[in-house]
Amino acid sequence: MDLKNLQPTYTMRDMAKVLGRVAELTRQNNCLKQQLETTAQELADAKQDNASLTAQLYDLQGDVVRQMTAGRVIVRERTYEA
């Protein structure tokens, strides 16, 4: 076997390209993680707002039902002064 004619599979240039690509993908991954965290927080806030609005709606519906079913005094006869 002639060791002088063997060449490495990867050159320094190839390794530099690979490491550059890894760095680029790492930056993209970090950016996506940040976006995911932001979106998760926005979703949690939206769920909390939704729960609050739903509770307000139920309160309003209860108020309407209480007003509609409350007893009322109806005057049947009125006395008029002549």
Protein backbone atom coordinates (compact mmCIF):
# COMPACT_ATOMS: atom_id res chain seq x y z
CA MET A 1 0.00 0.00 0.00
CA ASP A 2 1.42 3.33 -1.08
CA LEU A 3 0.75 5.85 1.73
CA LYS A 4 2.05 8.79 -0.32
CA ASN A 5 -0.87 8.62 -2.75
CA LEU A 6 -3.61 8.46 -0.11
CA GLN A 7 -5.54 11.65 0.39
CA PRO A 8 -7.86 12.51 3.27
CA THR A 9 -11.56 12.19 2.56
CA TYR A 10 -12.26 15.68 3.85
CA THR A 11 -10.07 18.68 3.29
CA MET A 12 -9.77 21.64 5.63
CA ARG A 13 -12.00 23.59 3.24
CA ASP A 14 -14.67 20.90 3.47
CA MET A 15 -14.48 20.93 7.26
CA ALA A 16 -14.75 24.74 7.30
CA LYS A 17 -17.88 24.52 5.15
CA VAL A 18 -19.40 21.91 7.44
CA LEU A 19 -18.63 23.95 10.56
CA GLY A 20 -20.05 27.07 8.91
CA ARG A 21 -23.24 25.20 8.07
CA VAL A 22 -23.46 23.88 11.64
CA ALA A 23 -23.09 27.43 12.99
CA GLU A 24 -25.81 28.68 10.60
CA LEU A 25 -28.19 25.88 11.62
CA THR A 26 -27.47 26.56 15.29
CA ARG A 27 -28.40 30.23 14.84
CA GLN A 28 -31.61 29.26 13.03
CA ASN A 29 -32.44 26.74 15.75
CA ASN A 30 -31.93 29.36 18.48
CA CYS A 31 -34.14 31.80 16.58
CA LEU A 32 -36.88 29.19 16.22
CA LYS A 33 -36.64 28.33 19.92
CA GLN A 34 -37.12 32.01 20.78
CA GLN A 35 -40.12 32.25 18.45
CA LEU A 36 -41.59 29.12 20.02
CA GLU A 37 -41.20 30.54 23.52
CA THR A 38 -42.82 33.82 22.44
CA THR A 39 -45.68 32.02 20.74
CA ALA A 40 -46.22 29.76 23.75
CA GLN A 41 -46.43 32.81 26.01
CA GLU A 42 -48.87 34.53 23.64
CA LEU A 43 -51.00 31.38 23.59
CA ALA A 44 -51.03 31.23 27.39
CA ASP A 45 -52.06 34.90 27.53
CA ALA A 46 -54.81 34.31 24.95
CA LYS A 47 -56.12 31.33 26.93
CA GLN A 48 -56.20 33.43 30.09
CA ASP A 49 -58.03 36.25 28.28
CA ASN A 50 -60.47 33.73 26.85
CA ALA A 51 -61.18 32.30 30.29
CA SER A 52 -61.72 35.79 31.69
CA LEU A 53 -64.07 36.78 28.88
CA THR A 54 -65.98 33.52 29.21
CA ALA A 55 -66.46 34.15 32.94
CA GLN A 56 -67.69 37.68 32.19
CA LEU A 57 -70.12 36.30 29.61
CA TYR A 58 -71.52 33.78 32.10
CA ASP A 59 -71.92 36.58 34.67
CA LEU A 60 -73.79 38.72 32.14
CA GLN A 61 -76.02 35.82 31.15
CA GLY A 62 -76.79 35.18 34.83
CA ASP A 63 -77.67 38.86 35.31
CA VAL A 64 -80.02 38.78 32.33
CA VAL A 65 -81.73 35.62 33.58
CA ARG A 66 -82.14 37.10 37.07
CA GLN A 67 -83.63 40.28 35.61
CA MET A 68 -86.00 38.36 33.35
CA THR A 69 -87.22 36.08 36.16
CA ALA A 70 -87.40 38.66 38.95
CA GLY A 71 -90.79 39.29 40.40
CA ARG A 72 -92.53 42.47 39.33
CA VAL A 73 -95.24 44.50 40.94
CA ILE A 74 -98.06 45.20 38.56
CA VAL A 75 -100.58 47.87 39.54
CA ARG A 76 -104.05 46.63 38.60
CA GLU A 77 -106.11 49.57 39.71
CA ARG A 78 -105.21 53.16 39.91
CA THR A 79 -107.10 55.78 41.75
CA TYR A 80 -107.44 59.07 39.96
CA GLU A 81 -108.32 62.29 41.59
CA ALA A 82 -111.05 64.14 39.85
